[in-house]
Amino acid sequence: MTFNYTRTIRFQDTDAAGVVYFANVLAMCHEAYEQSLAASGINLKVFFSNSSVAIPIVHASVDFFRPMFCGDEIFIKLMCKYLSSETFEVAYQFVVADKIVAKAITRHVCIDAVSRSRKEFSAEIVRWLREWGEQGKLI
């Protein structure tokens, strides 16, 4: 199933040419990711302040197809993909006026925050992966 997040491009998101600055697309991806966690019932304050577990992004990529401008209403479609018991990927599609304007991918790894060694996902992340993941390709 796909999680949908709606957002308006703000002036602060743009560069001197008046289009979205490339790095800000990843910030918008993270906004959509956070909202999908919250929509699954995950307490964001607890999730991001958990000192024993971290789920850092270890890879990110963005492809741009059309410019995004201040005032554009964008729809970000998020779908996660289970890769292993400690790794997942999130695919994002940015849509403006029914046209895909960008695509992004982030890859995340669950680790023990102290030892920095890989760790299996918690039950709440497994639930989130099932809710917003590709049907038939999850745990």
Protein backbone atom coordinates (compact mmCIF):
# COMPACT_ATOMS: atom_id res chain seq x y z
CA MET A 1 0.00 0.00 0.00
CA THR A 2 1.16 3.53 -0.69
CA PHE A 3 1.30 6.31 1.90
CA ASN A 4 0.38 9.72 0.48
CA TYR A 5 1.72 13.00 1.83
CA THR A 6 0.69 16.43 0.53
CA ARG A 7 2.87 19.50 0.84
CA THR A 8 3.19 22.95 -0.70
CA ILE A 9 6.61 24.05 -1.93
CA ARG A 10 7.77 27.05 0.10
CA PHE A 11 10.11 29.85 -0.91
CA GLN A 12 12.69 28.52 1.58
CA ASP A 13 12.76 25.24 -0.41
CA THR A 14 13.99 26.96 -3.57
CA ASP A 15 17.35 28.13 -4.86
CA ALA A 16 18.39 31.31 -6.68
CA ALA A 17 16.88 29.94 -9.92
CA GLY A 18 13.48 29.67 -8.21
CA VAL A 19 13.29 25.89 -8.27
CA VAL A 20 13.52 23.40 -5.41
CA TYR A 21 17.10 23.06 -4.22
CA PHE A 22 18.16 19.44 -4.78
CA ALA A 23 19.04 18.68 -1.14
CA ASN A 24 15.63 19.89 0.03
CA VAL A 25 13.97 17.03 -1.83
CA LEU A 26 15.57 14.63 0.66
CA ALA A 27 14.27 16.75 3.54
CA MET A 28 10.78 16.42 2.04
CA CYS A 29 11.29 12.66 1.78
CA HIS A 30 12.08 12.59 5.46
CA GLU A 31 8.92 14.61 6.22
CA ALA A 32 6.85 12.02 4.36
CA TYR A 33 8.70 9.19 6.14
CA GLU A 34 7.98 10.75 9.54
CA GLN A 35 4.31 11.21 8.69
CA SER A 36 4.02 7.59 7.55
CA LEU A 37 5.50 6.44 10.86
CA ALA A 38 2.99 8.60 12.76
CA ALA A 39 0.11 7.34 10.61
CA SER A 40 1.08 3.81 11.68
CA GLY A 41 0.73 4.78 15.33
CA ILE A 42 4.44 5.19 16.05
CA ASN A 43 5.16 7.88 18.64
CA LEU A 44 7.74 10.07 16.86
CA LYS A 45 9.16 11.58 20.04
CA VAL A 46 9.88 8.13 21.46
CA PHE A 47 11.00 6.71 18.10
CA PHE A 48 13.58 9.39 17.39
CA SER A 49 14.84 9.69 20.97
CA ASN A 50 15.34 5.96 21.53
CA SER A 51 18.96 5.81 22.68
CA SER A 52 19.36 2.06 22.17
CA VAL A 53 18.31 1.75 18.51
CA ALA A 54 18.95 3.87 15.41
CA ILE A 55 17.75 3.47 11.84
CA PRO A 56 20.11 5.68 9.82
CA ILE A 57 19.92 6.29 6.10
CA VAL A 58 22.89 4.59 4.46
CA HIS A 59 22.06 5.42 0.83
CA ALA A 60 19.97 8.09 -0.90
CA SER A 61 19.35 9.01 -4.52
CA VAL A 62 17.07 11.43 -6.36
CA ASP A 63 16.12 11.70 -10.03
CA PHE A 64 14.55 14.93 -11.27
CA PHE A 65 12.22 15.04 -14.29
CA ARG A 66 10.65 18.51 -14.05
CA PRO A 67 11.28 21.56 -11.87
CA MET A 68 9.24 22.22 -8.72
CA PHE A 69 8.42 25.86 -7.95
CA CYS A 70 7.33 27.85 -4.91
CA GLY A 71 3.57 27.45 -4.51
CA ASP A 72 3.37 24.06 -6.22
CA GLU A 73 1.26 21.57 -4.33
CA ILE A 74 3.14 18.28 -4.36
CA PHE A 75 1.92 14.81 -3.59
CA ILE A 76 4.59 12.49 -2.28
CA LYS A 77 3.79 8.81 -2.67
CA LEU A 78 5.83 6.63 -0.32
CA MET A 79 6.24 2.87 -0.48
CA CYS A 80 8.69 0.88 1.61
CA LYS A 81 10.39 -2.35 0.65
CA TYR A 82 11.65 -4.99 3.06
CA LEU A 83 15.21 -6.03 2.13
CA SER A 84 16.28 -8.05 5.20
CA SER A 85 15.50 -8.32 8.90
CA GLU A 86 17.53 -5.13 9.49
CA THR A 87 17.36 -3.26 6.17
CA PHE A 88 14.59 -1.55 4.23
CA GLU A 89 14.28 0.87 1.36
CA VAL A 90 11.76 3.64 0.83
CA ALA A 91 10.74 4.76 -2.66
CA TYR A 92 9.21 8.20 -3.14
CA GLN A 93 7.38 9.69 -6.11
CA PHE A 94 6.87 13.44 -6.26
CA VAL A 95 3.78 14.39 -8.27
CA VAL A 96 2.69 17.88 -9.36
CA ALA A 97 -0.48 18.31 -11.43
CA ASP A 98 -0.65 14.57 -12.15
CA LYS A 99 2.93 14.48 -13.48
CA ILE A 100 5.84 12.71 -11.80
CA VAL A 101 8.45 15.43 -11.26
CA ALA A 102 10.98 13.48 -9.17
CA LYS A 103 11.70 10.07 -7.70
CA ALA A 104 13.87 9.30 -4.70
CA ILE A 105 15.08 6.29 -2.75
CA THR A 106 16.44 6.05 0.78
CA ARG A 107 17.93 2.87 2.25
CA HIS A 108 17.88 2.41 6.02
CA VAL A 109 19.66 0.00 8.35
CA CYS A 110 18.61 -0.80 11.92
CA ILE A 111 21.54 -0.75 14.33
CA ASP A 112 22.29 -0.91 18.02
CA ALA A 113 23.08 2.72 18.81
CA VAL A 114 25.93 1.85 21.18
CA SER A 115 27.76 -0.99 19.42
CA ARG A 116 26.80 0.23 15.91
CA SER A 117 26.13 -3.39 14.93
CA ARG A 118 23.11 -4.40 12.88
CA LYS A 119 19.98 -5.28 14.79
CA GLU A 120 16.64 -6.78 13.75
CA PHE A 121 13.66 -4.44 13.44
CA SER A 122 11.28 -3.89 16.31
CA ALA A 123 7.70 -5.13 16.03
CA GLU A 124 6.47 -1.58 15.35
CA ILE A 125 8.79 -1.18 12.34
CA VAL A 126 7.74 -4.58 11.01
CA ARG A 127 4.11 -3.41 11.32
CA TRP A 128 4.99 -0.16 9.49
CA LEU A 129 6.74 -2.13 6.73
CA ARG A 130 3.66 -4.29 6.30
CA GLU A 131 1.34 -1.29 6.21
CA TRP A 132 3.24 0.81 3.66
CA GLY A 133 5.17 -1.90 1.82
CA GLU A 134 4.84 -3.69 -1.45
CA GLN A 135 2.11 -6.26 -1.07
CA GLY A 136 3.38 -9.82 -1.17
CA LYS A 137 7.03 -8.85 -0.73
CA LEU A 138 7.18 -8.42 3.03
CA ILE A 139 8.00 -10.52 6.01
